[in-house]
Amino acid sequence: MARYKHLSRKLRLAKLNKQTRWAPFWTVMKVYGKGRKVHPGRHTEIKRSWRRTKTKA
């Protein structure tokens, strides 16, 4: 990748980076109730790792 990135590319990469984060912890309680313990990563729509899947950006 280039040393200097265009702003548009930087914004695209920033958006893709945000999509890989876990969902907020309160979504677990909202979906399953207080007693159930589930990892918040299960509620994340797009799971992508820099090792596994590459982007088109």
N, C-alpha and C. Protein backbone atom coordinates (compact mmCIF):
# COMPACT_ATOMS: atom_id res chain seq x y z
N MET A 1 0.84 -1.18 0.00
CA MET A 1 0.00 0.00 0.00
C MET A 1 0.88 1.24 0.00
N ALA A 2 0.35 2.31 -0.55
CA ALA A 2 1.12 3.53 -0.68
C ALA A 2 1.48 4.11 0.68
N ARG A 3 2.56 4.85 0.69
CA ARG A 3 2.99 5.48 1.94
C ARG A 3 2.02 6.59 2.34
N TYR A 4 1.61 7.40 1.38
CA TYR A 4 0.64 8.47 1.62
C TYR A 4 -0.71 8.04 1.05
N LYS A 5 -1.72 8.02 1.91
CA LYS A 5 -3.04 7.55 1.50
C LYS A 5 -3.95 8.74 1.20
N HIS A 6 -4.77 8.61 0.16
CA HIS A 6 -5.78 9.61 -0.12
C HIS A 6 -6.80 9.60 1.01
N LEU A 7 -7.45 10.73 1.20
CA LEU A 7 -8.43 10.84 2.27
C LEU A 7 -9.58 9.85 2.08
N SER A 8 -10.02 9.69 0.82
CA SER A 8 -11.14 8.78 0.55
C SER A 8 -10.79 7.34 0.94
N ARG A 9 -9.58 6.93 0.64
CA ARG A 9 -9.15 5.58 1.00
C ARG A 9 -9.05 5.44 2.51
N LYS A 10 -8.55 6.47 3.16
CA LYS A 10 -8.41 6.45 4.62
C LYS A 10 -9.77 6.31 5.30
N LEU A 11 -10.76 7.05 4.77
CA LEU A 11 -12.10 6.98 5.33
C LEU A 11 -12.72 5.60 5.13
N ARG A 12 -12.49 5.02 3.96
CA ARG A 12 -13.00 3.67 3.68
C ARG A 12 -12.38 2.64 4.64
N LEU A 13 -11.08 2.74 4.84
CA LEU A 13 -10.40 1.81 5.75
C LEU A 13 -10.87 2.00 7.18
N ALA A 14 -11.13 3.25 7.57
CA ALA A 14 -11.61 3.52 8.93
C ALA A 14 -12.98 2.90 9.14
N LYS A 15 -13.84 2.98 8.12
CA LYS A 15 -15.18 2.38 8.22
C LYS A 15 -15.08 0.87 8.34
N LEU A 16 -14.22 0.25 7.54
CA LEU A 16 -14.06 -1.20 7.60
C LEU A 16 -13.50 -1.64 8.95
N ASN A 17 -12.64 -0.81 9.53
CA ASN A 17 -12.07 -1.13 10.84
C ASN A 17 -13.13 -1.08 11.93
N LYS A 18 -14.08 -0.14 11.81
CA LYS A 18 -15.16 -0.03 12.79
C LYS A 18 -16.10 -1.22 12.72
N GLN A 19 -16.28 -1.78 11.53
CA GLN A 19 -17.23 -2.88 11.35
C GLN A 19 -16.74 -4.17 12.00
N THR A 20 -15.45 -4.30 12.26
CA THR A 20 -14.92 -5.54 12.81
C THR A 20 -14.98 -5.57 14.34
N ARG A 21 -15.38 -4.47 14.96
CA ARG A 21 -15.43 -4.44 16.42
C ARG A 21 -16.59 -5.26 16.97
N TRP A 22 -16.51 -5.62 18.24
CA TRP A 22 -17.61 -6.32 18.90
C TRP A 22 -18.80 -5.38 19.03
N ALA A 23 -19.96 -5.98 19.15
CA ALA A 23 -21.16 -5.21 19.44
C ALA A 23 -21.09 -4.72 20.89
N PRO A 24 -21.85 -3.68 21.24
CA PRO A 24 -21.85 -3.22 22.63
C PRO A 24 -22.36 -4.31 23.58
N PHE A 25 -21.86 -4.29 24.81
CA PHE A 25 -22.18 -5.36 25.77
C PHE A 25 -23.66 -5.39 26.12
N TRP A 26 -24.35 -4.24 26.07
CA TRP A 26 -25.75 -4.21 26.47
C TRP A 26 -26.66 -4.89 25.46
N THR A 27 -26.18 -5.15 24.23
CA THR A 27 -27.02 -5.85 23.24
C THR A 27 -27.27 -7.28 23.67
N VAL A 28 -26.34 -7.88 24.42
CA VAL A 28 -26.52 -9.25 24.89
C VAL A 28 -27.72 -9.32 25.82
N MET A 29 -27.79 -8.39 26.77
CA MET A 29 -28.91 -8.37 27.72
C MET A 29 -30.22 -8.03 27.00
N LYS A 30 -30.14 -7.17 25.99
CA LYS A 30 -31.34 -6.78 25.25
C LYS A 30 -31.91 -7.95 24.47
N VAL A 31 -31.04 -8.76 23.87
CA VAL A 31 -31.48 -9.87 23.02
C VAL A 31 -31.85 -11.10 23.85
N TYR A 32 -31.00 -11.48 24.81
CA TYR A 32 -31.16 -12.76 25.51
C TYR A 32 -31.72 -12.65 26.92
N GLY A 33 -31.69 -11.47 27.52
CA GLY A 33 -32.11 -11.33 28.91
C GLY A 33 -30.89 -11.31 29.82
N LYS A 34 -31.15 -11.11 31.11
CA LYS A 34 -30.05 -10.87 32.05
C LYS A 34 -29.25 -12.13 32.37
N GLY A 35 -29.89 -13.29 32.37
CA GLY A 35 -29.24 -14.51 32.83
C GLY A 35 -28.29 -15.16 31.84
N ARG A 36 -28.48 -14.93 30.56
CA ARG A 36 -27.71 -15.64 29.54
C ARG A 36 -26.38 -14.95 29.28
N LYS A 37 -25.31 -15.72 29.25
CA LYS A 37 -23.98 -15.14 28.98
C LYS A 37 -23.56 -15.51 27.57
N VAL A 38 -23.52 -14.55 26.71
CA VAL A 38 -23.13 -14.73 25.31
C VAL A 38 -22.08 -13.69 24.98
N HIS A 39 -21.14 -14.07 24.15
CA HIS A 39 -20.08 -13.13 23.76
C HIS A 39 -20.64 -12.06 22.83
N PRO A 40 -20.31 -10.78 23.06
CA PRO A 40 -20.83 -9.70 22.22
C PRO A 40 -20.36 -9.78 20.77
N GLY A 41 -19.30 -10.54 20.51
CA GLY A 41 -18.82 -10.69 19.14
C GLY A 41 -19.81 -11.42 18.25
N ARG A 42 -20.75 -12.14 18.86
CA ARG A 42 -21.75 -12.86 18.08
C ARG A 42 -22.74 -11.92 17.41
N HIS A 43 -22.86 -10.71 17.91
CA HIS A 43 -23.81 -9.76 17.35
C HIS A 43 -23.18 -8.86 16.30
N THR A 44 -21.91 -9.04 16.05
CA THR A 44 -21.23 -8.21 15.06
C THR A 44 -21.61 -8.72 13.67
N GLU A 45 -22.07 -7.80 12.81
CA GLU A 45 -22.56 -8.18 11.47
C GLU A 45 -21.41 -8.73 10.62
N ILE A 46 -20.37 -7.94 10.46
CA ILE A 46 -19.28 -8.30 9.56
C ILE A 46 -18.05 -8.65 10.39
N LYS A 47 -17.61 -9.88 10.30
CA LYS A 47 -16.40 -10.29 11.01
C LYS A 47 -15.28 -10.44 9.99
N ARG A 48 -14.27 -9.62 10.10
CA ARG A 48 -13.17 -9.67 9.16
C ARG A 48 -11.88 -9.48 9.93
N SER A 49 -10.87 -10.25 9.57
CA SER A 49 -9.57 -10.12 10.19
C SER A 49 -8.55 -9.73 9.13
N TRP A 50 -7.56 -9.00 9.51
CA TRP A 50 -6.54 -8.57 8.55
C TRP A 50 -5.76 -9.76 8.04
N ARG A 51 -5.73 -10.86 8.80
CA ARG A 51 -5.03 -12.06 8.33
C ARG A 51 -5.87 -12.87 7.35
N ARG A 52 -7.13 -13.10 7.72
CA ARG A 52 -7.98 -14.01 6.95
C ARG A 52 -8.49 -13.41 5.65
N THR A 53 -9.26 -12.30 5.75
CA THR A 53 -9.97 -11.76 4.60
C THR A 53 -9.43 -10.38 4.26
N LYS A 54 -9.15 -10.18 3.01
CA LYS A 54 -8.64 -8.89 2.56
C LYS A 54 -9.79 -8.03 2.04
N THR A 55 -9.57 -6.72 1.96
CA THR A 55 -10.59 -5.80 1.47
C THR A 55 -10.22 -5.32 0.07
N LYS A 56 -11.17 -4.66 -0.56
CA LYS A 56 -10.91 -4.11 -1.90
C LYS A 56 -10.42 -2.66 -1.81
N ALA A 57 -10.31 -2.14 -0.62
CA ALA A 57 -9.95 -0.71 -0.44
C ALA A 57 -8.51 -0.43 -0.79
